[in-house]
């Protein structure tokens, strides 16, 4: 299951998985693109291992890495509790 986490000003969506059996969480990033439909990538935390990078530049991945690093504690917490809505009690 994927849980919404953050939408950036440029319509980039950041979602995350539930906590996987190995203790990792997949953070999935998707950005609409007029030519290619979508750019996307996955980052597994903790460890920040990137996979399946499609359409993003190295600078964009660096920017997303900074966002993920600064919010990893929240993502890991939400992943254990079934997403933001369950963690926040809404």
C-alpha atoms as a PDB file:
ATOM      1  CA  UNK A   1       0.000   0.000   0.000  1.00  0.00           C
ATOM      2  CA  UNK A   2       1.170   3.543  -0.745  1.00  0.00           C
ATOM      3  CA  UNK A   3       0.391   6.496   1.490  1.00  0.00           C
ATOM      4  CA  UNK A   4       0.435  10.148   0.354  1.00  0.00           C
ATOM      5  CA  UNK A   5       3.058  12.231   2.096  1.00  0.00           C
ATOM      6  CA  UNK A   6       3.851  15.492   0.306  1.00  0.00           C
ATOM      7  CA  UNK A   7       2.966  17.438  -2.848  1.00  0.00           C
ATOM      8  CA  UNK A   8       5.521  20.028  -3.967  1.00  0.00           C
ATOM      9  CA  UNK A   9       4.738  23.302  -5.764  1.00  0.00           C
ATOM     10  CA  UNK A  10       5.742  21.805  -9.131  1.00  0.00           C
ATOM     11  CA  UNK A  11       3.155  18.993  -8.707  1.00  0.00           C
ATOM     12  CA  UNK A  12       5.762  16.432  -7.659  1.00  0.00           C
ATOM     13  CA  UNK A  13       4.085  13.803  -5.493  1.00  0.00           C
ATOM     14  CA  UNK A  14       5.927  12.002  -2.713  1.00  0.00           C
ATOM     15  CA  UNK A  15       4.294   8.864  -1.313  1.00  0.00           C
ATOM     16  CA  UNK A  16       5.591   6.048   0.847  1.00  0.00           C
ATOM     17  CA  UNK A  17       4.945   2.377   1.512  1.00  0.00           C
ATOM     18  CA  UNK A  18       4.102   0.746   4.790  1.00  0.00           C
ATOM     19  CA  UNK A  19       7.040  -0.580   6.797  1.00  0.00           C
ATOM     20  CA  UNK A  20       8.432  -3.529   4.836  1.00  0.00           C
ATOM     21  CA  UNK A  21       9.399  -6.792   6.587  1.00  0.00           C
ATOM     22  CA  UNK A  22      13.095  -5.813   6.433  1.00  0.00           C
ATOM     23  CA  UNK A  23      12.386  -2.525   8.284  1.00  0.00           C
ATOM     24  CA  UNK A  24      12.725  -0.354   5.190  1.00  0.00           C
ATOM     25  CA  UNK A  25      10.214   2.012   3.629  1.00  0.00           C
ATOM     26  CA  UNK A  26       9.964   2.759  -0.087  1.00  0.00           C
ATOM     27  CA  UNK A  27       9.579   6.466  -0.838  1.00  0.00           C
ATOM     28  CA  UNK A  28       8.206   6.949  -4.347  1.00  0.00           C
ATOM     29  CA  UNK A  29       8.514  10.236  -6.230  1.00  0.00           C
ATOM     30  CA  UNK A  30       6.505  11.082  -9.328  1.00  0.00           C
ATOM     31  CA  UNK A  31       6.426  14.297 -11.318  1.00  0.00           C
ATOM     32  CA  UNK A  32       4.234  15.011 -14.362  1.00  0.00           C
ATOM     33  CA  UNK A  33       6.067  15.864 -17.575  1.00  0.00           C
ATOM     34  CA  UNK A  34       4.466  17.077 -20.797  1.00  0.00           C
ATOM     35  CA  UNK A  35       6.798  15.030 -23.042  1.00  0.00           C
ATOM     36  CA  UNK A  36       7.287  11.808 -21.100  1.00  0.00           C
ATOM     37  CA  UNK A  37       4.036  11.687 -19.067  1.00  0.00           C
ATOM     38  CA  UNK A  38       5.825  11.154 -15.706  1.00  0.00           C
ATOM     39  CA  UNK A  39       9.276  11.134 -14.198  1.00  0.00           C
ATOM     40  CA  UNK A  40       9.625   8.784 -11.241  1.00  0.00           C
ATOM     41  CA  UNK A  41      12.062   7.217  -8.806  1.00  0.00           C
ATOM     42  CA  UNK A  42      12.125   5.160  -5.626  1.00  0.00           C
ATOM     43  CA  UNK A  43      14.302   5.665  -2.568  1.00  0.00           C
ATOM     44  CA  UNK A  44      14.468   3.101   0.233  1.00  0.00           C
ATOM     45  CA  UNK A  45      15.003   4.389   3.764  1.00  0.00           C
ATOM     46  CA  UNK A  46      16.858   4.080   5.976  1.00  0.00           C
ATOM     47  CA  UNK A  47      19.950   3.844   3.820  1.00  0.00           C
ATOM     48  CA  UNK A  48      18.804   6.132   0.991  1.00  0.00           C
ATOM     49  CA  UNK A  49      19.207   3.571  -1.798  1.00  0.00           C
ATOM     50  CA  UNK A  50      17.755   4.888  -5.057  1.00  0.00           C
ATOM     51  CA  UNK A  51      16.208   2.585  -7.676  1.00  0.00           C
ATOM     52  CA  UNK A  52      14.294   2.909 -10.927  1.00  0.00           C
ATOM     53  CA  UNK A  53      15.194   6.546 -11.633  1.00  0.00           C
ATOM     54  CA  UNK A  54      13.370   7.602 -14.807  1.00  0.00           C
ATOM     55  CA  UNK A  55      13.595  11.131 -16.229  1.00  0.00           C
ATOM     56  CA  UNK A  56      15.059  12.953 -13.222  1.00  0.00           C
ATOM     57  CA  UNK A  57      18.408  14.743 -13.396  1.00  0.00           C
ATOM     58  CA  UNK A  58      21.147  14.232 -10.806  1.00  0.00           C
ATOM     59  CA  UNK A  59      20.341  17.694  -9.388  1.00  0.00           C
ATOM     60  CA  UNK A  60      16.667  16.787  -8.983  1.00  0.00           C
ATOM     61  CA  UNK A  61      17.564  13.545  -7.200  1.00  0.00           C
ATOM     62  CA  UNK A  62      19.884  15.513  -4.919  1.00  0.00           C
ATOM     63  CA  UNK A  63      17.006  17.887  -4.070  1.00  0.00           C
ATOM     64  CA  UNK A  64      14.652  14.977  -3.359  1.00  0.00           C
ATOM     65  CA  UNK A  65      17.314  13.278  -1.253  1.00  0.00           C
ATOM     66  CA  UNK A  66      17.502  16.410   0.914  1.00  0.00           C
ATOM     67  CA  UNK A  67      13.722  16.450   1.309  1.00  0.00           C
ATOM     68  CA  UNK A  68      13.624  12.766   2.231  1.00  0.00           C
ATOM     69  CA  UNK A  69      16.542  13.057   4.665  1.00  0.00           C
ATOM     70  CA  UNK A  70      14.912  16.000   6.451  1.00  0.00           C
ATOM     71  CA  UNK A  71      11.578  14.180   6.808  1.00  0.00           C
ATOM     72  CA  UNK A  72      12.697  10.533   7.126  1.00  0.00           C
ATOM     73  CA  UNK A  73      11.765  10.399  10.809  1.00  0.00           C
ATOM     74  CA  UNK A  74       8.186  11.350   9.898  1.00  0.00           C
ATOM     75  CA  UNK A  75       7.986   8.957   6.962  1.00  0.00           C
ATOM     76  CA  UNK A  76       9.264   6.049   9.081  1.00  0.00           C
ATOM     77  CA  UNK A  77       6.779   6.885  11.835  1.00  0.00           C
ATOM     78  CA  UNK A  78       3.848   7.208   9.424  1.00  0.00           C
ATOM     79  CA  UNK A  79       4.828   3.969   7.659  1.00  0.00           C
ATOM     80  CA  UNK A  80       4.535   2.070  10.934  1.00  0.00           C
ATOM     81  CA  UNK A  81       1.107   3.559  11.686  1.00  0.00           C
ATOM     82  CA  UNK A  82      -0.578   3.228   8.291  1.00  0.00           C
ATOM     83  CA  UNK A  83       0.090   6.675   6.826  1.00  0.00           C
ATOM     84  CA  UNK A  84      -0.387  10.240   8.019  1.00  0.00           C
ATOM     85  CA  UNK A  85      -4.134   9.994   8.555  1.00  0.00           C
ATOM     86  CA  UNK A  86      -3.810   7.045  10.926  1.00  0.00           C
ATOM     87  CA  UNK A  87      -0.777   8.503  12.703  1.00  0.00           C
ATOM     88  CA  UNK A  88      -2.469  11.871  13.233  1.00  0.00           C
ATOM     89  CA  UNK A  89      -5.800  10.498  14.417  1.00  0.00           C
ATOM     90  CA  UNK A  90      -7.836  12.262  11.695  1.00  0.00           C
END
